[in-house]
């Protein structure tokens, strides 16, 4: 399943947070880096399950984040809930 989110964080911060979150915040179903680039990470978890987190500039500012997985939907949603919203979505002035 594909999940999408937009955040005010820079792309590199999103990926850094994703690496830490999936390695430490969900210990029973932790996932660890298999591949990475400046725009994505591929994590391998329990039973070989794959999680892909990709980032790109969002149309209205901030960073668009996509998460793809077959079994870790709840964990991806939980990770997205830790990311701040873009300032424009929180009622702040557009940059």
PDB file of N, CA and C in Angstrom:
ATOM      1  N   UNK A   1       0.848  -1.170   0.000  1.00  0.00           N
ATOM      2  CA  UNK A   1       0.000   0.000   0.000  1.00  0.00           C
ATOM      3  C   UNK A   1       0.895   1.235   0.000  1.00  0.00           C
ATOM      4  N   UNK A   2       0.433   2.273  -0.681  1.00  0.00           N
ATOM      5  CA  UNK A   2       1.166   3.535  -0.762  1.00  0.00           C
ATOM      6  C   UNK A   2       0.531   4.539   0.197  1.00  0.00           C
ATOM      7  N   UNK A   3       1.376   5.197   0.988  1.00  0.00           N
ATOM      8  CA  UNK A   3       0.931   6.232   1.914  1.00  0.00           C
ATOM      9  C   UNK A   3       1.652   7.524   1.541  1.00  0.00           C
ATOM     10  N   UNK A   4       0.955   8.660   1.654  1.00  0.00           N
ATOM     11  CA  UNK A   4       1.551   9.943   1.311  1.00  0.00           C
ATOM     12  C   UNK A   4       1.336  10.950   2.430  1.00  0.00           C
ATOM     13  N   UNK A   5       2.310  11.852   2.581  1.00  0.00           N
ATOM     14  CA  UNK A   5       2.272  12.854   3.630  1.00  0.00           C
ATOM     15  C   UNK A   5       3.090  14.045   3.161  1.00  0.00           C
ATOM     16  N   UNK A   6       2.788  15.235   3.661  1.00  0.00           N
ATOM     17  CA  UNK A   6       3.593  16.422   3.379  1.00  0.00           C
ATOM     18  C   UNK A   6       4.035  17.006   4.710  1.00  0.00           C
ATOM     19  N   UNK A   7       5.304  17.409   4.790  1.00  0.00           N
ATOM     20  CA  UNK A   7       5.872  17.927   6.029  1.00  0.00           C
ATOM     21  C   UNK A   7       6.713  19.171   5.748  1.00  0.00           C
ATOM     22  N   UNK A   8       6.946  19.939   6.785  1.00  0.00           N
ATOM     23  CA  UNK A   8       7.796  21.123   6.671  1.00  0.00           C
ATOM     24  C   UNK A   8       9.281  20.772   6.775  1.00  0.00           C
ATOM     25  N   UNK A   9       9.603  19.550   7.158  1.00  0.00           N
ATOM     26  CA  UNK A   9      11.005  19.145   7.307  1.00  0.00           C
ATOM     27  C   UNK A   9      11.705  19.038   5.959  1.00  0.00           C
ATOM     28  N   UNK A  10      13.009  19.327   5.919  1.00  0.00           N
ATOM     29  CA  UNK A  10      13.777  19.059   4.703  1.00  0.00           C
ATOM     30  C   UNK A  10      13.866  17.552   4.451  1.00  0.00           C
ATOM     31  N   UNK A  11      14.044  17.188   3.195  1.00  0.00           N
ATOM     32  CA  UNK A  11      14.079  15.780   2.797  1.00  0.00           C
ATOM     33  C   UNK A  11      15.093  14.972   3.601  1.00  0.00           C
ATOM     34  N   UNK A  12      16.301  15.495   3.780  1.00  0.00           N
ATOM     35  CA  UNK A  12      17.332  14.738   4.500  1.00  0.00           C
ATOM     36  C   UNK A  12      16.938  14.469   5.944  1.00  0.00           C
ATOM     37  N   UNK A  13      16.202  15.398   6.573  1.00  0.00           N
ATOM     38  CA  UNK A  13      15.740  15.172   7.946  1.00  0.00           C
ATOM     39  C   UNK A  13      14.671  14.082   8.004  1.00  0.00           C
ATOM     40  N   UNK A  14      13.796  14.049   7.002  1.00  0.00           N
ATOM     41  CA  UNK A  14      12.763  13.009   6.956  1.00  0.00           C
ATOM     42  C   UNK A  14      13.420  11.637   6.881  1.00  0.00           C
ATOM     43  N   UNK A  15      14.397  11.492   5.993  1.00  0.00           N
ATOM     44  CA  UNK A  15      15.058  10.187   5.836  1.00  0.00           C
ATOM     45  C   UNK A  15      15.853   9.813   7.085  1.00  0.00           C
ATOM     46  N   UNK A  16      16.507  10.786   7.697  1.00  0.00           N
ATOM     47  CA  UNK A  16      17.252  10.517   8.940  1.00  0.00           C
ATOM     48  C   UNK A  16      16.293  10.032  10.035  1.00  0.00           C
ATOM     49  N   UNK A  17      15.162  10.708  10.155  1.00  0.00           N
ATOM     50  CA  UNK A  17      14.166  10.305  11.154  1.00  0.00           C
ATOM     51  C   UNK A  17      13.596   8.918  10.853  1.00  0.00           C
ATOM     52  N   UNK A  18      13.376   8.624   9.578  1.00  0.00           N
ATOM     53  CA  UNK A  18      12.825   7.315   9.199  1.00  0.00           C
ATOM     54  C   UNK A  18      13.783   6.199   9.597  1.00  0.00           C
ATOM     55  N   UNK A  19      15.068   6.390   9.337  1.00  0.00           N
ATOM     56  CA  UNK A  19      16.062   5.370   9.708  1.00  0.00           C
ATOM     57  C   UNK A  19      16.018   5.096  11.207  1.00  0.00           C
ATOM     58  N   UNK A  20      16.001   6.156  12.003  1.00  0.00           N
ATOM     59  CA  UNK A  20      15.979   5.998  13.463  1.00  0.00           C
ATOM     60  C   UNK A  20      14.654   5.395  13.934  1.00  0.00           C
ATOM     61  N   UNK A  21      13.548   5.876  13.388  1.00  0.00           N
ATOM     62  CA  UNK A  21      12.230   5.399  13.810  1.00  0.00           C
ATOM     63  C   UNK A  21      12.073   3.902  13.575  1.00  0.00           C
ATOM     64  N   UNK A  22      12.364   3.450  12.367  1.00  0.00           N
ATOM     65  CA  UNK A  22      12.131   2.039  12.052  1.00  0.00           C
ATOM     66  C   UNK A  22      13.134   1.109  12.722  1.00  0.00           C
ATOM     67  N   UNK A  23      14.288   1.625  13.109  1.00  0.00           N
ATOM     68  CA  UNK A  23      15.276   0.797  13.811  1.00  0.00           C
ATOM     69  C   UNK A  23      15.023   0.735  15.310  1.00  0.00           C
ATOM     70  N   UNK A  24      14.405   1.785  15.886  1.00  0.00           N
ATOM     71  CA  UNK A  24      14.317   1.847  17.346  1.00  0.00           C
ATOM     72  C   UNK A  24      12.913   1.986  17.924  1.00  0.00           C
ATOM     73  N   UNK A  25      11.984   2.607  17.225  1.00  0.00           N
ATOM     74  CA  UNK A  25      10.679   2.911  17.801  1.00  0.00           C
ATOM     75  C   UNK A  25       9.678   1.779  17.672  1.00  0.00           C
ATOM     76  N   UNK A  26       9.952   0.829  16.808  1.00  0.00           N
ATOM     77  CA  UNK A  26       9.051  -0.316  16.649  1.00  0.00           C
ATOM     78  C   UNK A  26       9.872  -1.605  16.777  1.00  0.00           C
ATOM     79  N   UNK A  27      10.392  -1.871  17.982  1.00  0.00           N
ATOM     80  CA  UNK A  27      11.342  -2.970  18.151  1.00  0.00           C
ATOM     81  C   UNK A  27      10.826  -4.356  17.757  1.00  0.00           C
ATOM     82  N   UNK A  28       9.564  -4.634  17.938  1.00  0.00           N
ATOM     83  CA  UNK A  28       9.051  -5.959  17.587  1.00  0.00           C
ATOM     84  C   UNK A  28       9.019  -6.158  16.078  1.00  0.00           C
ATOM     85  N   UNK A  29       8.948  -5.066  15.343  1.00  0.00           N
ATOM     86  CA  UNK A  29       8.895  -5.141  13.878  1.00  0.00           C
ATOM     87  C   UNK A  29       9.893  -4.169  13.265  1.00  0.00           C
ATOM     88  N   UNK A  30      11.079  -4.080  13.848  1.00  0.00           N
ATOM     89  CA  UNK A  30      12.098  -3.160  13.344  1.00  0.00           C
ATOM     90  C   UNK A  30      12.477  -3.471  11.906  1.00  0.00           C
ATOM     91  N   UNK A  31      12.916  -2.427  11.213  1.00  0.00           N
ATOM     92  CA  UNK A  31      13.371  -2.565   9.830  1.00  0.00           C
ATOM     93  C   UNK A  31      14.659  -1.767   9.678  1.00  0.00           C
ATOM     94  N   UNK A  32      15.568  -2.282   8.878  1.00  0.00           N
ATOM     95  CA  UNK A  32      16.900  -1.688   8.795  1.00  0.00           C
ATOM     96  C   UNK A  32      17.291  -1.414   7.351  1.00  0.00           C
ATOM     97  N   UNK A  33      18.160  -0.439   7.170  1.00  0.00           N
ATOM     98  CA  UNK A  33      18.570   0.036   5.849  1.00  0.00           C
ATOM     99  C   UNK A  33      19.131  -1.091   4.988  1.00  0.00           C
ATOM    100  N   UNK A  34      18.591  -1.173   3.789  1.00  0.00           N
ATOM    101  CA  UNK A  34      19.125  -2.081   2.782  1.00  0.00           C
ATOM    102  C   UNK A  34      19.749  -1.284   1.634  1.00  0.00           C
ATOM    103  N   UNK A  35      19.068  -0.210   1.214  1.00  0.00           N
ATOM    104  CA  UNK A  35      19.560   0.675   0.156  1.00  0.00           C
ATOM    105  C   UNK A  35      19.173   2.098   0.526  1.00  0.00           C
ATOM    106  N   UNK A  36      19.956   3.077   0.028  1.00  0.00           N
ATOM    107  CA  UNK A  36      19.565   4.460   0.242  1.00  0.00           C
ATOM    108  C   UNK A  36      20.192   5.378  -0.794  1.00  0.00           C
ATOM    109  N   UNK A  37      19.528   6.503  -0.999  1.00  0.00           N
ATOM    110  CA  UNK A  37      20.014   7.571  -1.852  1.00  0.00           C
ATOM    111  C   UNK A  37      19.565   8.872  -1.185  1.00  0.00           C
ATOM    112  N   UNK A  38      19.922  10.024  -1.722  1.00  0.00           N
ATOM    113  CA  UNK A  38      19.457  11.283  -1.124  1.00  0.00           C
ATOM    114  C   UNK A  38      17.937  11.465  -1.189  1.00  0.00           C
ATOM    115  N   UNK A  39      17.240  10.643  -1.996  1.00  0.00           N
ATOM    116  CA  UNK A  39      15.802  10.809  -2.161  1.00  0.00           C
ATOM    117  C   UNK A  39      14.963   9.631  -1.674  1.00  0.00           C
ATOM    118  N   UNK A  40      15.621   8.545  -1.207  1.00  0.00           N
ATOM    119  CA  UNK A  40      14.825   7.416  -0.729  1.00  0.00           C
ATOM    120  C   UNK A  40      15.664   6.495   0.166  1.00  0.00           C
ATOM    121  N   UNK A  41      14.938   5.663   0.911  1.00  0.00           N
ATOM    122  CA  UNK A  41      15.571   4.563   1.646  1.00  0.00           C
ATOM    123  C   UNK A  41      14.706   3.322   1.451  1.00  0.00           C
ATOM    124  N   UNK A  42      15.370   2.186   1.403  1.00  0.00           N
ATOM    125  CA  UNK A  42      14.692   0.889   1.375  1.00  0.00           C
ATOM    126  C   UNK A  42      15.098   0.188   2.656  1.00  0.00           C
ATOM    127  N   UNK A  43      14.100  -0.179   3.438  1.00  0.00           N
ATOM    128  CA  UNK A  43      14.331  -0.863   4.699  1.00  0.00           C
ATOM    129  C   UNK A  43      13.839  -2.299   4.571  1.00  0.00           C
ATOM    130  N   UNK A  44      14.520  -3.205   5.229  1.00  0.00           N
ATOM    131  CA  UNK A  44      14.119  -4.610   5.222  1.00  0.00           C
ATOM    132  C   UNK A  44      13.748  -4.961   6.650  1.00  0.00           C
ATOM    133  N   UNK A  45      12.555  -5.531   6.810  1.00  0.00           N
ATOM    134  CA  UNK A  45      12.069  -5.847   8.146  1.00  0.00           C
ATOM    135  C   UNK A  45      11.832  -7.321   8.347  1.00  0.00           C
ATOM    136  N   UNK A  46      11.040  -7.617   9.335  1.00  0.00           N
ATOM    137  CA  UNK A  46      10.702  -8.973   9.754  1.00  0.00           C
ATOM    138  C   UNK A  46      10.233  -9.802   8.559  1.00  0.00           C
ATOM    139  N   UNK A  47      10.797 -10.974   8.395  1.00  0.00           N
ATOM    140  CA  UNK A  47      10.403 -11.867   7.326  1.00  0.00           C
ATOM    141  C   UNK A  47      10.788 -11.387   5.945  1.00  0.00           C
ATOM    142  N   UNK A  48      11.690 -10.412   5.865  1.00  0.00           N
ATOM    143  CA  UNK A  48      12.118  -9.890   4.574  1.00  0.00           C
ATOM    144  C   UNK A  48      11.210  -8.818   4.005  1.00  0.00           C
ATOM    145  N   UNK A  49      10.212  -8.394   4.766  1.00  0.00           N
ATOM    146  CA  UNK A  49       9.282  -7.371   4.291  1.00  0.00           C
ATOM    147  C   UNK A  49      10.014  -6.063   4.004  1.00  0.00           C
ATOM    148  N   UNK A  50       9.627  -5.412   2.909  1.00  0.00           N
ATOM    149  CA  UNK A  50      10.276  -4.188   2.461  1.00  0.00           C
ATOM    150  C   UNK A  50       9.420  -2.963   2.770  1.00  0.00           C
ATOM    151  N   UNK A  51      10.090  -1.891   3.195  1.00  0.00           N
ATOM    152  CA  UNK A  51       9.463  -0.583   3.367  1.00  0.00           C
ATOM    153  C   UNK A  51      10.299   0.385   2.546  1.00  0.00           C
ATOM    154  N   UNK A  52       9.639   1.183   1.715  1.00  0.00           N
ATOM    155  CA  UNK A  52      10.335   2.204   0.946  1.00  0.00           C
ATOM    156  C   UNK A  52       9.787   3.558   1.368  1.00  0.00           C
ATOM    157  N   UNK A  53      10.679   4.467   1.733  1.00  0.00           N
ATOM    158  CA  UNK A  53      10.323   5.844   2.046  1.00  0.00           C
ATOM    159  C   UNK A  53      11.028   6.719   1.021  1.00  0.00           C
ATOM    160  N   UNK A  54      10.256   7.540   0.293  1.00  0.00           N
ATOM    161  CA  UNK A  54      10.821   8.425  -0.724  1.00  0.00           C
ATOM    162  C   UNK A  54      10.394   9.855  -0.448  1.00  0.00           C
ATOM    163  N   UNK A  55      11.257  10.795  -0.786  1.00  0.00           N
ATOM    164  CA  UNK A  55      10.984  12.213  -0.546  1.00  0.00           C
ATOM    165  C   UNK A  55      11.186  13.008  -1.832  1.00  0.00           C
ATOM    166  N   UNK A  56      10.423  14.094  -1.958  1.00  0.00           N
ATOM    167  CA  UNK A  56      10.573  15.012  -3.085  1.00  0.00           C
ATOM    168  C   UNK A  56       9.999  16.360  -2.665  1.00  0.00           C
ATOM    169  N   UNK A  57      10.375  17.424  -3.375  1.00  0.00           N
ATOM    170  CA  UNK A  57       9.794  18.728  -3.037  1.00  0.00           C
ATOM    171  C   UNK A  57       8.274  18.701  -3.249  1.00  0.00           C
ATOM    172  N   UNK A  58       7.542  19.280  -2.311  1.00  0.00           N
ATOM    173  CA  UNK A  58       6.082  19.355  -2.427  1.00  0.00           C
ATOM    174  C   UNK A  58       5.700  20.586  -3.235  1.00  0.00           C
ATOM    175  N   UNK A  59       4.627  20.491  -3.975  1.00  0.00           N
ATOM    176  CA  UNK A  59       4.177  21.581  -4.843  1.00  0.00           C
ATOM    177  C   UNK A  59       3.962  22.888  -4.078  1.00  0.00           C
ATOM    178  N   UNK A  60       3.381  22.827  -2.910  1.00  0.00           N
ATOM    179  CA  UNK A  60       3.096  24.026  -2.132  1.00  0.00           C
ATOM    180  C   UNK A  60       4.169  24.372  -1.121  1.00  0.00           C
ATOM    181  N   UNK A  61       5.331  23.754  -1.211  1.00  0.00           N
ATOM    182  CA  UNK A  61       6.394  23.961  -0.238  1.00  0.00           C
ATOM    183  C   UNK A  61       6.496  22.773   0.700  1.00  0.00           C
ATOM    184  N   UNK A  62       7.613  22.645   1.338  1.00  0.00           N
ATOM    185  CA  UNK A  62       7.849  21.517   2.228  1.00  0.00           C
ATOM    186  C   UNK A  62       8.317  20.304   1.450  1.00  0.00           C
ATOM    187  N   UNK A  63       8.145  19.156   2.046  1.00  0.00           N
ATOM    188  CA  UNK A  63       8.608  17.904   1.457  1.00  0.00           C
ATOM    189  C   UNK A  63       7.458  16.916   1.361  1.00  0.00           C
ATOM    190  N   UNK A  64       7.284  16.339   0.180  1.00  0.00           N
ATOM    191  CA  UNK A  64       6.307  15.265  -0.016  1.00  0.00           C
ATOM    192  C   UNK A  64       7.005  13.960   0.359  1.00  0.00           C
ATOM    193  N   UNK A  65       6.326  13.147   1.144  1.00  0.00           N
ATOM    194  CA  UNK A  65       6.886  11.878   1.611  1.00  0.00           C
ATOM    195  C   UNK A  65       5.939  10.767   1.180  1.00  0.00           C
ATOM    196  N   UNK A  66       6.503   9.716   0.595  1.00  0.00           N
ATOM    197  CA  UNK A  66       5.719   8.539   0.222  1.00  0.00           C
ATOM    198  C   UNK A  66       6.299   7.330   0.928  1.00  0.00           C
ATOM    199  N   UNK A  67       5.418   6.512   1.443  1.00  0.00           N
ATOM    200  CA  UNK A  67       5.820   5.267   2.074  1.00  0.00           C
ATOM    201  C   UNK A  67       5.094   4.118   1.412  1.00  0.00           C
ATOM    202  N   UNK A  68       5.838   3.089   1.039  1.00  0.00           N
ATOM    203  CA  UNK A  68       5.245   1.934   0.380  1.00  0.00           C
ATOM    204  C   UNK A  68       5.626   0.667   1.142  1.00  0.00           C
ATOM    205  N   UNK A  69       4.634  -0.182   1.390  1.00  0.00           N
ATOM    206  CA  UNK A  69       4.859  -1.442   2.096  1.00  0.00           C
ATOM    207  C   UNK A  69       3.657  -2.355   1.895  1.00  0.00           C
ATOM    208  N   UNK A  70       3.858  -3.627   2.116  1.00  0.00           N
ATOM    209  CA  UNK A  70       2.732  -4.564   2.078  1.00  0.00           C
ATOM    210  C   UNK A  70       2.216  -4.894   3.478  1.00  0.00           C
ATOM    211  N   UNK A  71       3.118  -5.013   4.453  1.00  0.00           N
ATOM    212  CA  UNK A  71       2.720  -5.447   5.792  1.00  0.00           C
ATOM    213  C   UNK A  71       2.882  -4.410   6.898  1.00  0.00           C
ATOM    214  N   UNK A  72       3.674  -3.366   6.670  1.00  0.00           N
ATOM    215  CA  UNK A  72       3.987  -2.415   7.732  1.00  0.00           C
ATOM    216  C   UNK A  72       3.176  -1.122   7.627  1.00  0.00           C
ATOM    217  N   UNK A  73       1.925  -1.208   7.166  1.00  0.00           N
ATOM    218  CA  UNK A  73       1.097  -0.006   7.005  1.00  0.00           C
ATOM    219  C   UNK A  73       0.953   0.780   8.304  1.00  0.00           C
ATOM    220  N   UNK A  74       0.678   0.092   9.389  1.00  0.00           N
ATOM    221  CA  UNK A  74       0.478   0.769  10.668  1.00  0.00           C
ATOM    222  C   UNK A  74       1.748   1.502  11.095  1.00  0.00           C
ATOM    223  N   UNK A  75       2.906   0.883  10.909  1.00  0.00           N
ATOM    224  CA  UNK A  75       4.160   1.505  11.304  1.00  0.00           C
ATOM    225  C   UNK A  75       4.475   2.722  10.426  1.00  0.00           C
ATOM    226  N   UNK A  76       4.180   2.641   9.132  1.00  0.00           N
ATOM    227  CA  UNK A  76       4.408   3.785   8.246  1.00  0.00           C
ATOM    228  C   UNK A  76       3.506   4.946   8.661  1.00  0.00           C
ATOM    229  N   UNK A  77       2.243   4.668   8.925  1.00  0.00           N
ATOM    230  CA  UNK A  77       1.329   5.718   9.386  1.00  0.00           C
ATOM    231  C   UNK A  77       1.807   6.313  10.702  1.00  0.00           C
ATOM    232  N   UNK A  78       2.295   5.461  11.585  1.00  0.00           N
ATOM    233  CA  UNK A  78       2.811   5.943  12.869  1.00  0.00           C
ATOM    234  C   UNK A  78       4.023   6.851  12.659  1.00  0.00           C
ATOM    235  N   UNK A  79       4.928   6.475  11.745  1.00  0.00           N
ATOM    236  CA  UNK A  79       6.070   7.323  11.431  1.00  0.00           C
ATOM    237  C   UNK A  79       5.597   8.670  10.902  1.00  0.00           C
ATOM    238  N   UNK A  80       4.650   8.672   9.963  1.00  0.00           N
ATOM    239  CA  UNK A  80       4.153   9.931   9.408  1.00  0.00           C
ATOM    240  C   UNK A  80       3.568  10.826  10.503  1.00  0.00           C
ATOM    241  N   UNK A  81       2.945  10.226  11.508  1.00  0.00           N
ATOM    242  CA  UNK A  81       2.343  11.027  12.586  1.00  0.00           C
ATOM    243  C   UNK A  81       3.395  11.746  13.424  1.00  0.00           C
ATOM    244  N   UNK A  82       4.664  11.361  13.318  1.00  0.00           N
ATOM    245  CA  UNK A  82       5.728  12.039  14.070  1.00  0.00           C
ATOM    246  C   UNK A  82       6.295  13.238  13.313  1.00  0.00           C
ATOM    247  N   UNK A  83       5.924  13.401  12.043  1.00  0.00           N
ATOM    248  CA  UNK A  83       6.454  14.492  11.224  1.00  0.00           C
ATOM    249  C   UNK A  83       5.579  15.732  11.354  1.00  0.00           C
ATOM    250  N   UNK A  84       6.185  16.918  11.432  1.00  0.00           N
ATOM    251  CA  UNK A  84       5.377  18.138  11.515  1.00  0.00           C
ATOM    252  C   UNK A  84       4.673  18.426  10.191  1.00  0.00           C
ATOM    253  N   UNK A  85       3.523  19.072  10.290  1.00  0.00           N
ATOM    254  CA  UNK A  85       2.809  19.522   9.104  1.00  0.00           C
ATOM    255  C   UNK A  85       3.553  20.694   8.469  1.00  0.00           C
ATOM    256  N   UNK A  86       3.322  20.972   7.184  1.00  0.00           N
ATOM    257  CA  UNK A  86       3.895  22.184   6.587  1.00  0.00           C
ATOM    258  C   UNK A  86       3.301  23.411   7.279  1.00  0.00           C
ATOM    259  N   UNK A  87       4.061  24.477   7.415  1.00  0.00           N
ATOM    260  CA  UNK A  87       3.600  25.659   8.145  1.00  0.00           C
ATOM    261  C   UNK A  87       2.327  26.234   7.526  1.00  0.00           C
ATOM    262  N   UNK A  88       2.180  26.159   6.194  1.00  0.00           N
ATOM    263  CA  UNK A  88       0.972  26.675   5.547  1.00  0.00           C
ATOM    264  C   UNK A  88      -0.265  25.904   5.991  1.00  0.00           C
ATOM    265  N   UNK A  89      -0.130  24.599   6.232  1.00  0.00           N
ATOM    266  CA  UNK A  89      -1.257  23.783   6.676  1.00  0.00           C
ATOM    267  C   UNK A  89      -1.604  24.024   8.133  1.00  0.00           C
ATOM    268  N   UNK A  90      -0.627  24.563   8.884  1.00  0.00           N
ATOM    269  CA  UNK A  90      -0.872  24.854  10.302  1.00  0.00           C
ATOM    270  C   UNK A  90      -1.388  26.285  10.492  1.00  0.00           C
ATOM    271  N   UNK A  91      -1.653  26.988   9.397  1.00  0.00           N
ATOM    272  CA  UNK A  91      -2.172  28.342   9.508  1.00  0.00           C
ATOM    273  C   UNK A  91      -1.077  29.394   9.502  1.00  0.00           C
ATOM    274  N   UNK A  92       0.178  28.996   9.281  1.00  0.00           N
ATOM    275  CA  UNK A  92       1.281  29.956   9.233  1.00  0.00           C
ATOM    276  C   UNK A  92       1.341  30.621   7.869  1.00  0.00           C
ATOM    277  N   UNK A  93       2.144  31.634   7.786  1.00  0.00           N
ATOM    278  CA  UNK A  93       2.314  32.361   6.513  1.00  0.00           C
ATOM    279  C   UNK A  93       3.131  31.499   5.553  1.00  0.00           C
ATOM    280  N   UNK A  94       2.797  31.599   4.297  1.00  0.00           N
ATOM    281  CA  UNK A  94       3.570  30.875   3.276  1.00  0.00           C
ATOM    282  C   UNK A  94       4.908  31.542   3.105  1.00  0.00           C
ATOM    283  N   UNK A  95       5.935  30.740   2.870  1.00  0.00           N
ATOM    284  CA  UNK A  95       7.290  31.289   2.741  1.00  0.00           C
ATOM    285  C   UNK A  95       7.509  31.882   1.372  1.00  0.00           C
TER     286      UNK A  95
END
